[in-house]
Amino acid sequence: MAKRVLIVGSGAREHALAKAIALGGADVLIAPGNAGTFRVGRNVAVRSDDVDGLVALALCEDADLVVVGPELPLTLGLVDALAVKGVVAFGPTRAAARLEGSKAFMKGFLDRHGIPTAPFQVFEDAAAAEAYVRARGCPLVVKADGLAAGKGVIVASSTDEALEAVRRMMRERAFGGAGATVVIEDILPGEEVSFHVVADGSRFLALAPAQDHKRVGDGDRGPNTGGMGAYAPAPLVTPALQAKIIETILAPTLAGMAAEGCPFRGALFAGLMIEGEEPRVLEFNVRFGDPEATVLVPLYGGDWLELLEGAARGELPITSASAASGVALSVVMAAEGYPGSPRTGDVIDGLDAPLEPGAFVLHAGTAQGEGGATVTAGGRVLTVGGHARTLEAAARMAYRAVEAIHFRGEHHRSDIGHRAMKTER
């Protein structure tokens, strides 16, 4: 009998994982899913932050494995609640999820274990934070301690900007309780890399290093977003640098979490800044990145269900099939108004256009409209990509697929992978 897997979430990350797991023969459910996931499994209308509803669903469906995609249910303790009922889940416990759920905890953890990061201070008092900003000088980064829907990080180039960020977070509570405590840190120079490992509490498997593109516009201009595209492997990460990242950051992080009584199981995503050959931690995420997952999934050469279930059970399969050949690149097609207030409800045309081998279309902000049409339902609507022998070939494949799809107000970056293409040439 096929195993039954419940995937929690509704983004391109969850669509990518659902497709990969379904290809292995599993029976896949997605809660709540989107207009693409229902084609590879069965969508169930339970929100990803409804812990009780998700536990009840897993029990009702007799799920063999629950894969938790987004960070919020992890910080709410979904994995802990499932464990109480004997349900195996891929993702960290609530205690381990503090690496993302609390920036103050994360920075303190790095300090305790000697893991390289930017100089920082943590404040619970607004006046003290303001005094520090005036004394330290800018540029600085002001971060709300808790989850703030990706909006709680302000890069301030002037003292006035930093003071305004502190005022909004701590005095006006623009992000609610998430900004009651703030972390203020120096800006790190260098180039950013996304480095993922899958861990089972004691061992881990490194996936391909990736780079995403946060700014909404070409040339890395405009406001920050949740990510406008990604590619992997990133040539910036040489074998020697990867070994250093593992030795100085990932291995001590996972060992430190175990030593502090909260061993990490799941996907640990280190956002790193690389200057020269020296990596330092910008942030940790306790789940696969999105859009990074869309390029990591095709580059893993093994069985995704075996990998995720093994990690969840503390029995990570370390096999020679840890990497596929080639390069993957993906482009986010966004709705009008994103990253501000996105327009929704527009019909998406071209989704039935044939795809060449290696190309893929993954849904995120989509829903089924009247008459069965697929309509926009969020800011990042689709992630469209290609897996090819070279980065330039993957980019051409991705953009050919993008050109076939249309919806009102759609916008995307036309330069995904531009940094690495200079290296490839």
Protein backbone atom coordinates (compact mmCIF):
# COMPACT_ATOMS: atom_id res chain seq x y z
CA MET A 1 0.00 0.00 0.00
CA ALA A 2 1.27 3.48 -0.90
CA LYS A 3 2.37 5.69 1.97
CA ARG A 4 0.19 8.68 2.74
CA VAL A 5 1.95 12.03 3.14
CA LEU A 6 0.35 15.25 4.36
CA ILE A 7 2.14 18.40 3.20
CA VAL A 8 1.36 21.60 5.10
CA GLY A 9 1.43 24.87 3.14
CA SER A 10 0.32 26.52 -0.07
CA GLY A 11 3.40 27.87 -1.83
CA ALA A 12 5.68 26.87 -4.68
CA ARG A 13 7.85 25.10 -2.09
CA GLU A 14 4.97 22.81 -1.17
CA HIS A 15 4.02 22.24 -4.82
CA ALA A 16 7.62 21.22 -5.60
CA LEU A 17 7.76 18.79 -2.68
CA ALA A 18 4.30 17.39 -3.43
CA LYS A 19 5.27 16.67 -7.05
CA ALA A 20 8.53 14.99 -6.03
CA ILE A 21 6.90 12.83 -3.36
CA ALA A 22 3.94 11.90 -5.59
CA LEU A 23 6.33 10.83 -8.36
CA GLY A 24 7.69 8.28 -5.90
CA GLY A 25 4.27 6.67 -5.65
CA ALA A 26 2.99 8.19 -2.40
CA ASP A 27 -0.59 9.31 -1.80
CA VAL A 28 -0.23 13.06 -1.19
CA LEU A 29 -2.54 15.47 0.64
CA ILE A 30 -1.85 19.21 0.80
CA ALA A 31 -3.33 21.59 3.38
CA PRO A 32 -4.46 24.02 2.21
CA GLY A 33 -2.64 23.74 -1.14
CA ASN A 34 -3.23 25.80 -4.27
CA ALA A 35 -4.52 25.43 -7.83
CA GLY A 36 -1.43 23.47 -8.84
CA THR A 37 -1.11 21.04 -5.95
CA PHE A 38 -4.54 19.54 -6.54
CA ARG A 39 -3.16 18.12 -9.80
CA VAL A 40 -0.61 16.00 -7.93
CA GLY A 41 -2.59 15.20 -4.80
CA ARG A 42 -5.67 16.12 -2.82
CA ASN A 43 -6.11 19.59 -1.36
CA VAL A 44 -7.76 19.86 2.06
CA ALA A 45 -9.10 23.19 3.30
CA VAL A 46 -7.21 23.39 6.58
CA ARG A 47 -5.08 26.48 7.17
CA SER A 48 -1.37 26.01 7.77
CA ASP A 49 -1.59 27.83 11.13
CA ASP A 50 -4.49 25.68 12.43
CA VAL A 51 -2.49 23.31 14.63
CA ASP A 52 -5.49 21.47 16.07
CA GLY A 53 -7.09 21.11 12.63
CA LEU A 54 -3.90 19.76 11.09
CA VAL A 55 -3.42 17.23 13.88
CA ALA A 56 -7.00 16.08 13.45
CA LEU A 57 -6.51 15.82 9.69
CA ALA A 58 -3.32 13.76 10.04
CA LEU A 59 -5.10 11.36 12.40
CA CYS A 60 -8.25 11.14 10.29
CA GLU A 61 -6.24 10.41 7.12
CA ASP A 62 -3.85 8.05 8.93
CA ALA A 63 -0.85 9.96 7.55
CA ASP A 64 2.47 8.10 7.57
CA LEU A 65 4.36 11.40 7.43
CA VAL A 66 3.55 15.10 7.78
CA VAL A 67 5.89 17.52 5.97
CA VAL A 68 5.62 21.04 7.36
CA GLY A 69 6.49 23.68 4.77
CA PRO A 70 6.10 27.17 6.33
CA GLU A 71 7.73 28.53 9.46
CA LEU A 72 4.60 29.67 11.35
CA PRO A 73 3.16 26.23 12.16
CA LEU A 74 6.64 25.12 13.26
CA THR A 75 6.96 28.02 15.71
CA LEU A 76 3.42 27.30 16.90
CA GLY A 77 4.46 23.76 17.87
CA LEU A 78 2.77 21.66 15.18
CA VAL A 79 5.50 19.02 15.22
CA ASP A 80 5.24 18.72 19.01
CA ALA A 81 1.45 18.36 18.82
CA LEU A 82 1.75 15.66 16.16
CA ALA A 83 4.38 13.80 18.20
CA VAL A 84 2.02 13.64 21.18
CA LYS A 85 -0.41 11.74 18.93
CA GLY A 86 2.31 9.47 17.54
CA VAL A 87 2.42 11.09 14.08
CA VAL A 88 5.82 11.32 12.40
CA ALA A 89 6.56 14.84 11.10
CA PHE A 90 9.36 16.44 9.12
CA GLY A 91 10.31 19.69 10.80
CA PRO A 92 11.80 20.94 14.06
CA THR A 93 10.08 21.09 17.43
CA ARG A 94 8.89 24.42 18.76
CA ALA A 95 12.06 24.74 20.86
CA ALA A 96 14.32 24.10 17.87
CA ALA A 97 12.25 26.42 15.66
CA ARG A 98 13.38 29.33 17.84
CA LEU A 99 16.35 29.57 15.48
CA GLU A 100 13.91 31.33 13.14
CA GLY A 101 11.11 32.31 15.48
CA SER A 102 13.32 34.49 17.70
CA LYS A 103 16.19 36.50 16.25
CA ALA A 104 17.36 37.29 19.78
CA PHE A 105 17.57 33.57 20.59
CA MET A 106 19.36 32.89 17.31
CA LYS A 107 21.99 35.61 17.82
CA GLY A 108 22.54 34.55 21.42
CA PHE A 109 22.94 30.95 20.29
CA LEU A 110 25.54 31.93 17.71
CA ASP A 111 27.41 33.92 20.36
CA ARG A 112 27.34 31.06 22.86
CA HIS A 113 28.76 28.60 20.33
CA GLY A 114 31.32 30.85 18.65
CA ILE A 115 29.62 30.75 15.24
CA PRO A 116 30.56 33.73 13.04
CA THR A 117 27.92 36.45 12.60
CA ALA A 118 27.60 40.23 12.62
CA PRO A 119 28.24 42.21 15.85
CA PHE A 120 24.88 42.83 17.54
CA GLN A 121 22.94 43.96 20.59
CA VAL A 122 19.48 42.91 21.80
CA PHE A 123 17.08 45.47 23.31
CA GLU A 124 13.80 45.22 25.20
CA ASP A 125 13.73 48.95 25.99
CA ALA A 126 13.15 51.49 23.21
CA ALA A 127 15.14 54.29 24.83
CA ALA A 128 18.17 52.02 25.23
CA ALA A 129 17.88 50.92 21.59
CA GLU A 130 17.70 54.53 20.43
CA ALA A 131 20.73 55.47 22.49
CA TYR A 132 22.67 52.58 20.97
CA VAL A 133 21.76 53.67 17.43
CA ARG A 134 23.00 57.22 18.10
CA ALA A 135 26.24 55.97 19.62
CA ARG A 136 26.96 53.20 17.10
CA GLY A 137 26.21 55.11 13.93
CA CYS A 138 24.94 53.72 10.64
CA PRO A 139 24.53 51.72 8.50
CA LEU A 140 22.74 49.26 10.79
CA VAL A 141 20.11 46.56 10.49
CA VAL A 142 17.13 46.71 12.87
CA LYS A 143 15.26 43.42 13.24
CA ALA A 144 12.05 42.59 15.05
CA ASP A 145 12.71 39.60 17.28
CA GLY A 146 9.68 37.56 16.22
CA LEU A 147 8.06 36.57 12.94
CA ALA A 148 6.72 39.58 11.05
CA ALA A 149 5.63 38.15 7.70
CA GLY A 150 9.01 38.95 6.17
CA LYS A 151 8.68 42.69 6.94
CA GLY A 152 10.48 42.93 10.27
CA VAL A 153 13.98 43.65 8.96
CA ILE A 154 14.95 47.27 8.20
CA VAL A 155 18.31 48.10 6.61
CA ALA A 156 19.02 51.66 7.75
CA SER A 157 21.61 53.79 5.94
CA SER A 158 21.13 56.75 8.27
CA THR A 159 20.61 57.30 11.99
CA ASP A 160 17.18 58.78 11.32
CA GLU A 161 16.12 55.64 9.42
CA ALA A 162 17.33 53.39 12.24
CA LEU A 163 15.57 55.49 14.88
CA GLU A 164 12.37 55.39 12.82
CA ALA A 165 12.62 51.59 12.62
CA VAL A 166 13.03 51.34 16.40
CA ARG A 167 10.09 53.72 16.95
CA ARG A 168 7.77 51.79 14.66
CA MET A 169 8.72 48.39 16.08
CA MET A 170 9.03 49.13 19.78
CA ARG A 171 6.88 52.19 20.44
CA GLU A 172 4.12 51.87 17.83
CA ARG A 173 4.18 48.04 17.75
CA ALA A 174 3.82 48.00 13.97
CA PHE A 175 4.53 44.24 14.08
CA GLY A 176 2.67 43.54 17.31
CA GLY A 177 4.50 41.48 19.88
CA ALA A 178 7.15 40.50 17.31
CA GLY A 179 8.75 43.93 17.74
CA ALA A 180 8.68 44.14 21.53
CA THR A 181 12.31 43.03 21.44
CA VAL A 182 14.68 44.11 18.67
CA VAL A 183 18.09 43.03 17.46
CA ILE A 184 20.35 45.76 16.11
CA GLU A 185 23.37 44.56 14.19
CA ASP A 186 26.10 45.78 11.88
CA ILE A 187 25.68 45.32 8.14
CA LEU A 188 27.83 42.51 6.77
CA PRO A 189 29.62 43.14 3.46
CA GLY A 190 29.84 40.46 0.79
CA GLU A 191 27.55 38.27 -1.30
CA GLU A 192 24.60 36.30 0.07
CA VAL A 193 24.17 32.53 -0.24
CA SER A 194 21.39 30.16 0.82
CA PHE A 195 22.77 26.92 2.27
CA HIS A 196 20.37 24.10 3.18
CA VAL A 197 20.90 20.88 5.07
CA VAL A 198 18.45 18.13 5.95
CA ALA A 199 19.10 16.94 9.51
CA ASP A 200 17.90 14.05 11.66
CA GLY A 201 19.02 15.36 15.05
CA SER A 202 22.57 14.07 14.85
CA ARG A 203 23.50 13.74 11.16
CA PHE A 204 22.83 15.94 8.17
CA LEU A 205 22.97 15.99 4.39
CA ALA A 206 24.01 19.19 2.57
CA LEU A 207 21.99 20.19 -0.48
CA ALA A 208 23.23 22.34 -3.35
CA PRO A 209 24.18 25.91 -2.36
CA ALA A 210 21.73 28.39 -3.86
CA GLN A 211 21.24 32.11 -4.36
CA ASP A 212 17.91 33.89 -4.44
CA HIS A 213 17.02 37.39 -5.60
CA LYS A 214 15.21 39.43 -2.94
CA ARG A 215 14.76 42.80 -4.64
CA VAL A 216 11.70 43.15 -6.85
CA GLY A 217 13.48 44.76 -9.81
CA ASP A 218 16.28 43.91 -12.22
CA GLY A 219 19.76 44.81 -11.07
CA ASP A 220 18.73 44.19 -7.46
CA ARG A 221 16.70 47.41 -7.30
CA GLY A 222 13.45 48.20 -5.53
CA PRO A 223 11.92 46.91 -2.30
CA ASN A 224 12.71 43.56 -0.75
CA THR A 225 10.35 40.65 -1.39
CA GLY A 226 10.02 37.06 -0.27
CA GLY A 227 12.16 36.15 -3.29
CA MET A 228 11.82 36.78 -7.04
CA GLY A 229 13.77 33.75 -8.24
CA ALA A 230 16.69 31.47 -7.44
CA TYR A 231 19.33 29.22 -8.93
CA ALA A 232 21.59 26.40 -7.77
CA PRO A 233 24.31 25.39 -7.43
CA ALA A 234 25.85 28.81 -6.78
CA PRO A 235 29.40 28.89 -8.20
CA LEU A 236 30.44 31.28 -5.44
CA VAL A 237 30.50 28.28 -3.09
CA THR A 238 33.60 26.34 -4.05
CA PRO A 239 34.25 22.90 -2.55
CA ALA A 240 36.70 24.51 -0.12
CA LEU A 241 34.18 27.14 0.93
CA GLN A 242 31.44 24.51 1.34
CA ALA A 243 33.72 22.53 3.63
CA LYS A 244 34.34 25.69 5.69
CA ILE A 245 30.61 26.47 5.89
CA ILE A 246 29.93 22.96 7.18
CA GLU A 247 32.86 23.00 9.61
CA THR A 248 32.36 26.49 11.08
CA ILE A 249 28.60 26.99 10.84
CA LEU A 250 26.38 23.98 10.14
CA ALA A 251 28.11 21.28 12.18
CA PRO A 252 28.51 23.47 15.31
CA THR A 253 24.95 24.74 14.99
CA LEU A 254 23.45 21.26 14.92
CA ALA A 255 25.79 20.03 17.66
CA GLY A 256 24.95 23.09 19.74
CA MET A 257 21.20 22.55 19.38
CA ALA A 258 21.60 18.95 20.52
CA ALA A 259 23.76 20.06 23.46
CA GLU A 260 21.09 22.57 24.51
CA GLY A 261 18.44 19.86 24.60
CA CYS A 262 16.61 20.59 21.35
CA PRO A 263 18.15 18.46 18.60
CA PHE A 264 17.21 19.71 15.16
CA ARG A 265 15.26 17.53 12.75
CA GLY A 266 14.11 18.99 9.47
CA ALA A 267 15.45 21.47 6.94
CA LEU A 268 17.88 24.05 8.28
CA PHE A 269 18.44 26.95 5.91
CA ALA A 270 21.40 29.20 6.70
CA GLY A 271 21.34 32.61 5.08
CA LEU A 272 25.04 33.41 4.81
CA MET A 273 27.10 36.40 3.78
CA ILE A 274 30.35 35.52 2.04
CA GLU A 275 33.24 37.98 2.03
CA GLY A 276 36.33 36.54 0.43
CA GLU A 277 36.36 32.96 1.67
CA GLU A 278 34.80 33.79 5.03
CA PRO A 279 31.15 32.83 5.68
CA ARG A 280 29.07 34.52 8.40
CA VAL A 281 25.44 33.93 9.41
CA LEU A 282 22.82 36.51 8.50
CA GLU A 283 19.87 34.39 9.64
CA PHE A 284 18.57 30.89 10.08
CA ASN A 285 15.31 29.56 8.68
CA VAL A 286 13.96 26.29 10.00
CA ARG A 287 12.38 25.12 6.72
CA PHE A 288 13.19 25.07 3.03
CA GLY A 289 13.37 28.48 1.45
CA ASP A 290 10.90 29.53 -1.20
CA PRO A 291 11.92 30.00 -4.03
CA GLU A 292 15.09 28.05 -3.18
CA ALA A 293 13.17 24.79 -2.77
CA THR A 294 12.02 25.02 -6.38
CA VAL A 295 15.61 24.62 -7.58
CA LEU A 296 16.82 22.30 -4.82
CA VAL A 297 14.13 19.68 -5.48
CA PRO A 298 15.27 18.81 -9.05
CA LEU A 299 18.93 18.84 -8.00
CA TYR A 300 18.59 16.16 -5.34
CA GLY A 301 19.28 12.82 -6.98
CA GLY A 302 17.64 10.58 -4.39
CA ASP A 303 14.12 9.75 -3.23
CA TRP A 304 12.49 12.75 -1.52
CA LEU A 305 10.10 10.68 0.59
CA GLU A 306 12.94 8.49 1.82
CA LEU A 307 15.02 11.58 2.66
CA LEU A 308 12.31 13.48 4.54
CA GLU A 309 10.86 10.46 6.36
CA GLY A 310 14.34 9.25 7.33
CA ALA A 311 15.22 12.65 8.80
CA ALA A 312 11.90 12.81 10.65
CA ARG A 313 12.51 9.38 12.20
CA GLY A 314 16.14 10.15 13.12
CA GLU A 315 17.42 7.74 10.45
CA LEU A 316 18.72 10.01 7.70
CA PRO A 317 19.67 8.02 4.56
CA ILE A 318 23.15 9.18 3.54
CA THR A 319 23.51 7.83 0.02
CA SER A 320 25.66 8.53 -3.01
CA ALA A 321 22.54 9.86 -4.78
CA SER A 322 22.72 13.21 -2.93
CA ALA A 323 23.18 15.40 -6.00
CA ALA A 324 21.91 15.40 -9.56
CA SER A 325 23.89 16.91 -12.42
CA GLY A 326 23.23 20.27 -14.02
CA VAL A 327 21.84 23.59 -12.87
CA ALA A 328 18.31 24.67 -11.94
CA LEU A 329 16.94 28.21 -12.16
CA SER A 330 13.49 29.57 -11.36
CA VAL A 331 11.66 32.85 -11.97
CA VAL A 332 8.80 34.18 -9.84
CA MET A 333 5.85 35.61 -11.76
CA ALA A 334 4.28 38.15 -9.40
CA ALA A 335 0.93 39.90 -9.24
CA GLU A 336 0.34 43.59 -9.85
CA GLY A 337 1.08 45.49 -6.64
CA TYR A 338 3.51 42.95 -5.18
CA PRO A 339 5.33 43.29 -2.76
CA GLY A 340 2.80 45.81 -1.46
CA SER A 341 -0.90 44.99 -1.83
CA PRO A 342 -1.18 42.45 -4.66
CA ARG A 343 -4.12 42.39 -7.02
CA THR A 344 -5.96 39.04 -6.98
CA GLY A 345 -8.69 37.28 -8.95
CA ASP A 346 -7.18 37.65 -12.42
CA VAL A 347 -7.40 34.70 -14.81
CA ILE A 348 -4.06 33.09 -15.68
CA ASP A 349 -3.68 32.12 -19.34
CA GLY A 350 -1.12 29.76 -20.87
CA LEU A 351 -0.84 27.20 -18.11
CA ASP A 352 -1.69 24.43 -20.56
CA ALA A 353 1.16 25.32 -22.92
CA PRO A 354 3.48 22.32 -23.46
CA LEU A 355 6.73 22.35 -21.48
CA GLU A 356 10.06 21.22 -22.87
CA PRO A 357 11.93 18.51 -20.92
CA GLY A 358 13.46 20.03 -17.81
CA ALA A 359 11.05 22.97 -17.56
CA PHE A 360 8.57 23.28 -14.70
CA VAL A 361 5.71 25.49 -13.50
CA LEU A 362 4.97 25.58 -9.78
CA HIS A 363 1.96 27.32 -8.26
CA ALA A 364 1.95 29.55 -5.18
CA GLY A 365 -0.64 32.35 -5.09
CA THR A 366 -3.27 30.61 -7.21
CA ALA A 367 -6.83 29.37 -6.74
CA GLN A 368 -9.62 27.80 -8.74
CA GLY A 369 -12.02 30.44 -10.02
CA GLU A 370 -15.42 30.26 -11.66
CA GLY A 371 -15.74 27.71 -14.42
CA GLY A 372 -12.55 25.96 -13.35
CA ALA A 373 -10.24 28.81 -14.44
CA THR A 374 -7.03 29.29 -12.48
CA VAL A 375 -6.84 32.78 -10.96
CA THR A 376 -4.32 34.81 -9.01
CA ALA A 377 -4.69 34.61 -5.22
CA GLY A 378 -1.50 36.09 -3.80
CA GLY A 379 1.60 38.14 -4.46
CA ARG A 380 3.98 35.50 -5.77
CA VAL A 381 1.68 33.71 -8.18
CA LEU A 382 3.86 31.17 -10.01
CA THR A 383 7.46 30.02 -9.96
CA VAL A 384 8.60 28.93 -13.41
CA GLY A 385 11.94 27.27 -14.02
CA GLY A 386 14.26 24.99 -15.88
CA HIS A 387 16.79 22.25 -15.10
CA ALA A 388 19.55 22.02 -17.71
CA ARG A 389 23.25 21.33 -18.19
CA THR A 390 24.36 24.95 -17.71
CA LEU A 391 23.01 28.02 -15.96
CA GLU A 392 22.47 29.89 -19.22
CA ALA A 393 20.57 26.94 -20.70
CA ALA A 394 18.40 26.69 -17.57
CA ALA A 395 17.69 30.44 -17.73
CA ARG A 396 16.69 30.30 -21.41
CA MET A 397 14.39 27.36 -20.66
CA ALA A 398 12.80 29.14 -17.71
CA TYR A 399 12.18 32.38 -19.58
CA ARG A 400 10.71 30.56 -22.58
CA ALA A 401 8.18 29.01 -20.22
CA VAL A 402 7.50 32.41 -18.60
CA GLU A 403 6.73 33.93 -22.00
CA ALA A 404 3.87 31.47 -22.55
CA ILE A 405 1.99 32.50 -19.37
CA HIS A 406 -0.02 35.70 -18.97
CA PHE A 407 -2.18 37.48 -16.41
CA ARG A 408 -3.05 41.11 -15.82
CA GLY A 409 -0.30 43.15 -14.15
CA GLU A 410 2.18 40.26 -14.13
CA HIS A 411 5.79 41.25 -13.49
CA HIS A 412 9.02 39.33 -13.07
CA ARG A 413 12.73 39.88 -13.06
CA SER A 414 14.53 39.26 -16.33
CA ASP A 415 18.00 38.80 -14.80
CA ILE A 416 17.76 35.82 -12.45
CA GLY A 417 21.22 34.29 -12.17
CA HIS A 418 23.01 37.39 -13.44
CA ARG A 419 25.81 37.21 -10.86
CA ALA A 420 26.64 33.60 -11.57
CA MET A 421 26.40 33.98 -15.36
CA LYS A 422 29.40 36.29 -15.25
CA THR A 423 31.30 33.50 -13.48
CA GLU A 424 30.05 30.83 -15.92
CA ARG A 425 31.24 32.82 -18.91
